[in-house]
Amino acid sequence: MKILIAGAGIGGMALAALLRQRGIIAEVCERAPDFHRSGYMISLYPTGSRVFHGLGLMDAFRETSTRMGTYTVCNGHGDPIHTYEIGRMLDQYGYTGTLMRGELLELLQSRCPDVPVHFGVKVESFEERDNEVIVRLSDGSEKSADLLVGADGIHSTVRRQLFGDHPDHDTGWGCWVWMVRNSPRSQSEITEYWGTSRLVGVYPVRHGFGVIGAGPTKLIGPDAMGKDGKKLREYLATFGPGIADLLAEVPDDLASLFWWKLSDFRSEQWTKGRVTLLGDSACAFLPTAGVGASMALESAAVLADELGRTDASFLPGALDHYEKRRKKRAEAFQEDSRKIAAMMTVESLPMAWGRDQLMKLYTLDMLAKNIFKSLADPI
């Protein structure tokens, strides 16, 4: 079976590695010039990390990542509201760890080093002819495949040609991402500071912490802040001296930081003919629940499973099974991400106060009901 994967992100590389185990060498096209621009942090729940057992990567993942222990929510003054023993709850299902996106991609690529990845090349268009898909690439070449997998992100070219152009679900917020290398903070604790029209998140990774500073795009986005790191530091300083170590690492020139628009997307359909969607192309996640990468890995495992039980003649049926196994589950997790985002992205002082009081009583099951329930469910 000839398979072309558009996108060398987490879903695309996981699928390439899983197919390689089955003796199927897919081809991958990636618009970025390399993996080195993959500079933000990712948490993997057991839903995603258990895929590494099948790839023989679990030991390497443990060595590369930082185990998730506690999760603390603080208010707009930097005072703790509630600490959740999230690691203890998740440990019954598997290992949960945090690492950089580039590190995760390197792990996946280590299991399929002979799979061709064409960097700086993207899918421009495609058409189905009889029992094949003809794909036209940005370098002017054409490729024939039995299956095209659109793993090319939230603004997927493949999805747009399949189902038309539809707007993102936009929160109106975004975040700047930076690294802190020298801090006395605990490597087992995730901390988030929830204020009014601002948020700071601190996530342990190997050799440091990944940090986000978030707020309404109209107030802290690139157009509002320009390249002025001082403006960002002043905007977030209302959380008090408890985050001084984090703000000290914000560069004067924000051009060196990654700006992350907080939006997601849900495709009404994942598959048509011999073309299917994977990862953010199908169901993109807000980073608020930290579950998007896990869902991409899980979807890649299910798609590889279905492809491993068919041949090119019966491919449309296998893709239909894949969508039925994944779509409802992914959307349930997405709902939890949206629910948490609504609590985080508060722009009214009275509402922020009420939220803080509510968070004192909220359990993890209440905060992310679908995610924790689904950890025990079969796929």
Foldseek 3Di string as FASTA:
>chain_A
DEEEEFALFLLRLLLQLLLVVVVDFYAYEHQAQDLVVQFAKFKAALLALVSCVVLVCNVVPPVFWFFAAKEWEAELQQHTQDIARVRVLRPVLHTMTMAGRSSSSVSSCVSPVPRHYHYNKGWDDWDDDDQWIWTAMPVGDIDIGNAYEFAHAQQTPLLCVVPNDDDWAAPQKKKWKDWQQDDPDDLRYWYKYFYAQWIKTWHHGPRTIMMIIMGGCCCDNCVNCPQALVSSLVVSCSNDPVCVSVSVPRDRGSVVIDMGGFTADADPDADDRRYGYAQRNHTGAGCQVSHRSSLSSSLSVQLSVLPSPDDSVCRVVSRVVSCVVRRVLSVLQRVLRVQSVVLRHHNDRVSSVVSSVVVSVDHPCRSRVSVSVCSPPDD
